[in-house]
N, C-alpha and C. Protein backbone atom coordinates (compact mmCIF):
# COMPACT_ATOMS: atom_id res chain seq x y z
N MET A 1 93.48 87.01 58.01
CA MET A 1 93.40 87.82 59.12
C MET A 1 92.42 88.78 58.96
N HIS A 2 91.31 88.94 59.99
CA HIS A 2 90.40 89.93 59.69
C HIS A 2 90.77 91.22 60.49
N PRO A 3 90.33 92.26 60.25
CA PRO A 3 90.65 93.51 60.92
C PRO A 3 90.22 93.50 62.42
N ILE A 4 90.97 94.26 63.23
CA ILE A 4 90.69 94.23 64.61
C ILE A 4 89.40 95.15 64.83
N ARG A 5 88.29 94.58 65.30
CA ARG A 5 87.12 95.56 65.49
C ARG A 5 87.41 96.20 66.81
N THR A 6 87.35 97.58 66.75
CA THR A 6 87.79 98.39 67.78
C THR A 6 86.77 99.43 68.14
N TYR A 7 86.47 99.60 69.50
CA TYR A 7 85.68 100.61 70.06
C TYR A 7 86.61 101.56 70.85
N LEU A 8 86.33 102.87 70.38
CA LEU A 8 87.03 104.00 71.03
C LEU A 8 86.22 104.84 71.83
N VAL A 9 86.86 105.10 73.27
CA VAL A 9 86.14 105.89 74.04
C VAL A 9 87.17 106.99 74.52
N GLU A 10 86.74 108.27 73.74
CA GLU A 10 87.53 109.47 73.96
C GLU A 10 86.73 110.60 73.83
N ASP A 11 86.86 111.55 74.71
CA ASP A 11 86.12 112.77 74.66
C ASP A 11 86.42 113.82 73.60
N SER A 12 87.49 114.00 73.24
CA SER A 12 88.21 114.95 72.48
C SER A 12 87.92 114.66 71.03
N PRO A 13 87.03 115.39 70.25
CA PRO A 13 86.64 115.04 68.85
C PRO A 13 87.97 115.17 67.94
N VAL A 14 88.88 116.17 68.26
CA VAL A 14 90.25 116.14 67.56
C VAL A 14 91.00 114.88 67.61
N ILE A 15 91.18 114.56 68.84
CA ILE A 15 91.98 113.36 69.06
C ILE A 15 91.38 112.13 68.65
N ARG A 16 90.08 111.97 68.90
CA ARG A 16 89.36 110.76 68.44
C ARG A 16 89.52 110.55 66.94
N GLU A 17 89.26 111.68 66.04
CA GLU A 17 89.34 111.59 64.59
C GLU A 17 90.76 111.31 64.10
N SER A 18 91.66 112.09 64.82
CA SER A 18 93.11 111.67 64.47
C SER A 18 93.65 110.21 64.75
N LEU A 19 93.05 109.72 65.81
CA LEU A 19 93.46 108.45 66.24
C LEU A 19 92.83 107.45 65.50
N ILE A 20 91.57 107.52 65.02
CA ILE A 20 90.94 106.59 64.13
C ILE A 20 91.67 106.82 62.94
N ALA A 21 91.93 107.82 62.31
CA ALA A 21 92.63 107.97 60.95
C ALA A 21 93.90 107.28 60.98
N THR A 22 94.82 107.56 61.98
CA THR A 22 96.11 106.99 62.29
C THR A 22 95.93 105.32 62.35
N LEU A 23 95.30 104.92 63.28
CA LEU A 23 95.04 103.34 63.46
C LEU A 23 94.60 102.78 62.34
N GLU A 24 93.51 103.35 61.61
CA GLU A 24 93.00 102.46 60.46
C GLU A 24 94.00 102.55 59.16
N GLU A 25 94.86 103.67 59.30
CA GLU A 25 95.68 103.71 58.05
C GLU A 25 96.85 102.75 58.24
N LEU A 26 97.37 102.62 59.38
CA LEU A 26 98.49 101.91 59.68
C LEU A 26 98.41 100.28 59.97
N LEU A 27 97.20 100.15 60.38
CA LEU A 27 96.85 98.70 60.91
C LEU A 27 95.56 98.05 60.21
N PRO A 28 95.67 96.80 60.29
CA PRO A 28 94.32 96.01 59.90
C PRO A 28 93.37 96.31 61.00
N LEU A 29 92.84 97.44 61.14
CA LEU A 29 91.91 97.66 62.30
C LEU A 29 90.83 98.59 61.73
N VAL A 30 89.63 98.47 62.32
CA VAL A 30 88.48 99.22 61.87
C VAL A 30 87.70 99.74 63.27
N VAL A 31 87.54 100.82 63.19
CA VAL A 31 86.85 101.47 64.56
C VAL A 31 85.33 101.44 64.14
N VAL A 32 84.62 100.63 64.95
CA VAL A 32 83.28 100.12 64.74
C VAL A 32 82.34 101.08 65.42
N GLY A 33 82.78 101.88 66.43
CA GLY A 33 81.91 102.68 67.18
C GLY A 33 82.95 103.55 68.29
N SER A 34 82.35 104.61 68.67
CA SER A 34 83.03 105.36 69.61
C SER A 34 82.05 105.99 70.53
N ALA A 35 82.49 106.54 71.58
CA ALA A 35 81.74 107.21 72.62
C ALA A 35 82.59 108.55 73.41
N ASP A 36 81.92 109.42 73.93
CA ASP A 36 82.67 110.44 74.54
C ASP A 36 82.61 110.51 76.19
N ASP A 37 81.57 109.60 76.54
CA ASP A 37 81.23 109.62 77.92
C ASP A 37 81.17 108.09 78.36
N GLU A 38 81.04 107.91 79.77
CA GLU A 38 81.03 106.55 80.26
C GLU A 38 79.82 105.81 79.90
N ALA A 39 78.71 106.53 80.29
CA ALA A 39 77.27 105.80 79.92
C ALA A 39 77.04 105.32 78.43
N SER A 40 77.36 106.14 77.52
CA SER A 40 77.10 105.82 76.29
C SER A 40 78.20 104.61 75.78
N ALA A 41 79.26 104.57 76.37
CA ALA A 41 80.28 103.54 75.99
C ALA A 41 79.68 102.28 76.59
N LEU A 42 79.29 102.27 77.87
CA LEU A 42 78.59 100.97 78.36
C LEU A 42 77.53 100.54 77.70
N GLN A 43 76.69 101.56 77.38
CA GLN A 43 75.41 101.00 76.74
C GLN A 43 75.88 100.39 75.33
N TRP A 44 76.58 101.06 74.62
CA TRP A 44 76.91 100.34 73.27
C TRP A 44 77.69 98.93 73.53
N LEU A 45 78.79 98.90 74.45
CA LEU A 45 79.33 97.74 74.66
C LEU A 45 78.47 96.72 75.28
N GLY A 46 77.43 96.88 75.90
CA GLY A 46 76.51 95.96 76.48
C GLY A 46 75.46 95.29 75.59
N GLN A 47 75.45 95.88 74.30
CA GLN A 47 74.67 95.15 73.36
C GLN A 47 75.31 93.94 72.75
N ALA A 48 74.54 92.98 72.83
CA ALA A 48 75.10 91.53 72.29
C ALA A 48 75.62 91.63 70.82
N ASP A 49 74.97 92.37 69.95
CA ASP A 49 75.35 92.49 68.58
C ASP A 49 76.70 93.58 68.38
N HIS A 50 77.13 93.87 69.47
CA HIS A 50 78.39 94.79 69.29
C HIS A 50 79.66 94.18 69.82
N ALA A 51 79.87 92.99 69.23
CA ALA A 51 81.39 92.36 69.49
C ALA A 51 82.47 93.15 69.00
N VAL A 52 83.27 93.21 69.84
CA VAL A 52 84.76 93.96 69.38
C VAL A 52 85.92 93.14 70.01
N ASP A 53 86.88 93.31 69.20
CA ASP A 53 88.26 92.70 69.75
C ASP A 53 89.08 93.67 70.69
N LEU A 54 88.72 94.88 70.50
CA LEU A 54 89.69 95.72 71.36
C LEU A 54 88.87 96.90 71.79
N VAL A 55 89.05 97.59 72.90
CA VAL A 55 88.44 98.86 73.39
C VAL A 55 89.44 99.50 73.94
N ILE A 56 89.61 100.78 73.31
CA ILE A 56 90.61 101.90 73.85
C ILE A 56 89.92 102.99 74.52
N VAL A 57 90.36 103.16 75.77
CA VAL A 57 89.73 104.11 76.69
C VAL A 57 90.60 105.25 77.20
N ASP A 58 90.06 106.34 77.17
CA ASP A 58 90.59 107.44 77.96
C ASP A 58 90.26 107.58 79.14
N ILE A 59 91.05 108.07 80.10
CA ILE A 59 90.58 108.16 81.59
C ILE A 59 89.62 109.19 81.84
N PHE A 60 89.80 110.29 81.37
CA PHE A 60 88.84 111.59 81.58
C PHE A 60 88.01 111.73 80.53
N LEU A 61 86.61 111.63 80.55
CA LEU A 61 85.67 111.73 79.63
C LEU A 61 84.82 112.98 79.84
N LYS A 62 83.94 112.99 78.86
CA LYS A 62 82.91 114.13 78.84
C LYS A 62 82.14 114.04 80.07
N ALA A 63 81.55 112.93 80.32
CA ALA A 63 80.95 112.54 81.66
C ALA A 63 81.43 111.18 82.04
N GLY A 64 81.38 110.77 83.31
CA GLY A 64 82.03 109.62 83.90
C GLY A 64 83.39 109.60 83.73
N SER A 65 83.83 108.37 83.74
CA SER A 65 85.50 108.14 83.51
C SER A 65 85.68 106.91 82.76
N GLY A 66 86.93 106.70 82.23
CA GLY A 66 87.59 105.49 81.84
C GLY A 66 87.62 104.58 82.80
N LEU A 67 87.73 104.74 83.85
CA LEU A 67 87.92 103.67 85.01
C LEU A 67 86.34 103.08 85.15
N GLY A 68 85.37 103.84 85.09
CA GLY A 68 83.97 103.48 85.02
C GLY A 68 83.73 102.48 84.01
N VAL A 69 84.31 102.84 82.76
CA VAL A 69 84.04 102.13 81.58
C VAL A 69 84.95 100.67 81.73
N LEU A 70 86.15 100.48 82.38
CA LEU A 70 86.83 99.49 82.65
C LEU A 70 86.00 98.66 83.58
N LEU A 71 85.58 99.16 84.61
CA LEU A 71 84.94 98.53 85.55
C LEU A 71 83.54 97.73 85.00
N GLY A 72 83.07 98.59 84.10
CA GLY A 72 81.57 98.15 83.66
C GLY A 72 82.03 97.03 82.73
N ALA A 73 83.01 97.19 81.97
CA ALA A 73 83.54 96.01 80.86
C ALA A 73 83.72 94.89 81.74
N GLN A 74 84.54 94.91 82.92
CA GLN A 74 84.88 93.87 83.67
C GLN A 74 83.77 93.13 84.30
N ALA A 75 82.66 94.03 84.61
CA ALA A 75 81.57 93.45 85.21
C ALA A 75 80.65 92.63 83.93
N MET A 76 80.72 93.05 82.88
CA MET A 76 80.10 92.56 81.72
C MET A 76 80.81 91.28 81.26
N ALA A 77 82.05 91.05 81.87
CA ALA A 77 82.91 89.90 81.30
C ALA A 77 83.20 89.88 79.89
N LEU A 78 83.32 91.12 79.40
CA LEU A 78 83.69 91.15 77.79
C LEU A 78 85.02 90.52 77.51
N SER A 79 85.05 89.77 76.34
CA SER A 79 86.16 89.05 76.12
C SER A 79 87.29 89.76 75.17
N CYS A 80 86.98 91.05 74.91
CA CYS A 80 87.85 91.88 74.12
C CYS A 80 89.20 92.34 75.09
N LYS A 81 90.06 92.62 74.32
CA LYS A 81 91.34 93.46 75.01
C LYS A 81 90.91 94.78 75.36
N ARG A 82 91.50 95.43 76.36
CA ARG A 82 91.05 96.57 76.80
C ARG A 82 92.35 97.32 77.03
N VAL A 83 92.58 98.47 76.46
CA VAL A 83 93.75 99.34 76.67
C VAL A 83 93.18 100.76 77.11
N VAL A 84 94.25 101.26 77.89
CA VAL A 84 93.85 102.68 78.23
C VAL A 84 94.95 103.66 77.47
N LEU A 85 94.50 104.66 76.89
CA LEU A 85 95.32 105.65 76.38
C LEU A 85 94.92 107.09 76.96
N SER A 86 95.80 107.61 77.82
CA SER A 86 95.54 108.78 78.53
C SER A 86 96.73 109.60 78.81
N ASN A 87 96.65 110.81 78.89
CA ASN A 87 97.65 111.76 79.26
C ASN A 87 97.88 111.68 80.77
N TYR A 88 97.24 111.00 81.47
CA TYR A 88 97.44 110.79 83.04
C TYR A 88 97.73 109.40 83.24
N ALA A 89 98.87 109.03 82.63
CA ALA A 89 99.33 107.48 82.88
C ALA A 89 100.37 107.52 84.03
N THR A 90 100.10 107.82 85.18
CA THR A 90 101.02 107.75 86.18
C THR A 90 101.06 106.38 86.64
N GLN A 91 102.08 106.17 87.44
CA GLN A 91 102.35 104.79 87.97
C GLN A 91 100.85 104.25 88.78
N GLU A 92 100.39 105.16 89.45
CA GLU A 92 99.33 104.94 90.47
C GLU A 92 98.19 104.60 89.50
N MET A 93 97.89 105.45 88.36
CA MET A 93 96.78 105.37 87.61
C MET A 93 96.90 103.96 86.83
N ARG A 94 98.17 103.60 86.22
CA ARG A 94 98.39 102.31 85.61
C ARG A 94 98.02 101.17 86.51
N ARG A 95 98.38 101.20 87.71
CA ARG A 95 98.21 99.97 88.54
C ARG A 95 96.54 99.98 88.77
N LYS A 96 95.79 101.15 89.00
CA LYS A 96 94.43 101.14 89.05
C LYS A 96 93.81 100.66 87.78
N CYS A 97 94.27 100.90 86.64
CA CYS A 97 93.74 100.41 85.39
C CYS A 97 93.69 98.86 85.24
N LEU A 98 95.01 98.60 85.56
CA LEU A 98 95.19 97.17 85.38
C LEU A 98 94.54 96.24 86.35
N SER A 99 94.30 96.90 87.51
CA SER A 99 93.25 96.13 88.58
C SER A 99 91.98 96.12 88.12
N LEU A 100 91.47 96.93 87.24
CA LEU A 100 90.07 97.17 86.70
C LEU A 100 90.00 96.26 85.26
N GLY A 101 90.91 95.54 85.04
CA GLY A 101 90.94 94.67 83.87
C GLY A 101 91.54 95.18 82.46
N ALA A 102 92.29 96.42 82.50
CA ALA A 102 93.14 96.83 81.50
C ALA A 102 94.07 95.80 81.08
N ASP A 103 94.37 95.61 79.82
CA ASP A 103 95.47 94.69 79.26
C ASP A 103 96.73 95.59 79.33
N ARG A 104 96.54 96.80 78.92
CA ARG A 104 97.85 97.77 78.75
C ARG A 104 97.39 98.97 79.08
N VAL A 105 98.35 100.02 79.42
CA VAL A 105 98.25 101.31 79.58
C VAL A 105 99.12 102.06 78.80
N PHE A 106 98.87 103.08 77.99
CA PHE A 106 99.59 103.87 77.19
C PHE A 106 99.47 105.18 77.43
N ASP A 107 100.70 106.06 77.59
CA ASP A 107 100.63 107.60 77.59
C ASP A 107 100.43 107.94 76.19
N LYS A 108 99.29 108.88 76.11
CA LYS A 108 98.93 109.64 74.89
C LYS A 108 100.18 110.31 74.39
N SER A 109 100.94 110.96 75.21
CA SER A 109 101.79 112.10 74.73
C SER A 109 103.23 111.32 74.36
N GLN A 110 103.41 110.09 74.74
CA GLN A 110 104.71 109.43 74.63
C GLN A 110 104.65 108.13 74.09
N GLU A 111 103.49 107.22 74.18
CA GLU A 111 103.63 106.01 73.79
C GLU A 111 102.52 105.45 72.61
N ILE A 112 102.29 106.40 71.66
CA ILE A 112 101.39 106.07 70.47
C ILE A 112 102.04 105.01 69.81
N GLU A 113 103.38 105.12 69.68
CA GLU A 113 104.02 103.99 68.90
C GLU A 113 103.90 102.50 69.55
N ALA A 114 103.87 102.60 70.84
CA ALA A 114 103.74 101.47 71.54
C ALA A 114 102.36 100.85 71.45
N LEU A 115 101.31 101.72 71.52
CA LEU A 115 99.94 101.36 71.16
C LEU A 115 99.91 100.87 69.69
N ILE A 116 100.41 101.19 68.76
CA ILE A 116 100.34 100.65 67.39
C ILE A 116 101.07 99.54 67.31
N SER A 117 102.34 99.41 68.10
CA SER A 117 102.98 97.99 68.11
C SER A 117 102.01 96.87 68.70
N TYR A 118 101.34 97.22 69.89
CA TYR A 118 100.50 96.45 70.50
C TYR A 118 99.43 96.04 69.67
N CYS A 119 98.83 96.85 68.85
CA CYS A 119 97.70 96.51 67.98
C CYS A 119 98.22 95.54 66.94
N GLU A 120 99.51 95.76 66.34
CA GLU A 120 100.13 94.98 65.28
C GLU A 120 100.14 93.50 65.93
N GLU A 121 100.64 93.34 67.14
CA GLU A 121 100.73 91.93 67.88
C GLU A 121 99.33 91.41 67.68
N LEU A 122 98.33 92.08 68.23
CA LEU A 122 96.83 91.67 68.25
C LEU A 122 96.63 91.10 66.78
N ALA A 123 96.88 92.02 65.84
CA ALA A 123 96.50 91.59 64.32
C ALA A 123 97.13 90.31 64.00
N ASN A 124 98.45 89.91 64.59
CA ASN A 124 99.14 88.92 64.17
C ASN A 124 98.80 87.74 65.20
N GLY A 125 97.80 87.89 65.95
CA GLY A 125 97.46 86.66 66.72
C GLY A 125 98.30 86.70 68.06
N GLY A 126 98.92 87.80 68.32
CA GLY A 126 99.52 87.92 69.69
C GLY A 126 98.71 88.67 70.75
N GLY A 127 99.30 89.01 71.64
CA GLY A 127 98.53 89.71 72.84
C GLY A 127 98.17 88.52 73.74
N ASP A 128 99.12 88.46 74.72
CA ASP A 128 99.36 87.23 75.56
C ASP A 128 98.20 87.43 76.73
N GLY A 129 97.41 88.52 76.94
CA GLY A 129 96.47 88.58 77.69
C GLY A 129 96.77 88.77 79.13
N VAL A 130 98.19 89.00 79.49
CA VAL A 130 98.88 89.27 80.57
C VAL A 130 98.82 90.73 80.79
N ALA A 131 98.13 91.20 81.80
CA ALA A 131 98.16 92.62 82.11
C ALA A 131 99.50 93.10 82.50
N HIS A 132 99.96 94.19 81.70
CA HIS A 132 101.00 94.67 81.98
C HIS A 132 101.12 96.15 81.34
N THR A 133 102.00 97.10 81.72
CA THR A 133 102.04 98.39 81.12
C THR A 133 102.96 98.47 79.84
N ALA A 134 102.94 99.50 79.19
CA ALA A 134 103.83 99.70 78.08
C ALA A 134 105.21 99.64 78.62
N GLY A 135 106.27 99.04 77.91
CA GLY A 135 107.71 99.20 78.36
C GLY A 135 107.89 98.07 79.36
N ALA A 136 106.89 97.38 80.13
CA ALA A 136 107.10 96.33 81.15
C ALA A 136 107.64 94.94 80.43
N PRO A 137 108.60 94.54 81.09
CA PRO A 137 108.95 93.19 80.44
C PRO A 137 107.80 92.05 80.54
N ARG A 138 107.81 91.39 79.48
CA ARG A 138 106.80 90.18 79.15
C ARG A 138 107.24 88.91 79.88
């Protein structure tokens, strides 16, 4: 089993560093890059030698938005899993993210354990590719 190559799009340095430390400690996961704005994320993701298994995106960024990252990733037809981790995970926002190609949407304040479980599934060859939100039946 190889580590899940992950790209993180998060504008808060404190949250970004904490999330990287947590995920890399608890999972066979390595964060291969990160960005704090939409343009940098899309530029990095668009490079052919930057293949990743998972992209974790926040909605509100330093410039642009996570929705723009999802839209760009969809337009690039990236084959990686895409999840949203945001404090703004309302039902309407979840629907919007899923419509833009997110595989899952997690609330930062309440669903970190669910994100970790999802990443464990991916590491074990799971991740059905069906777009749904945390807590939704499979």
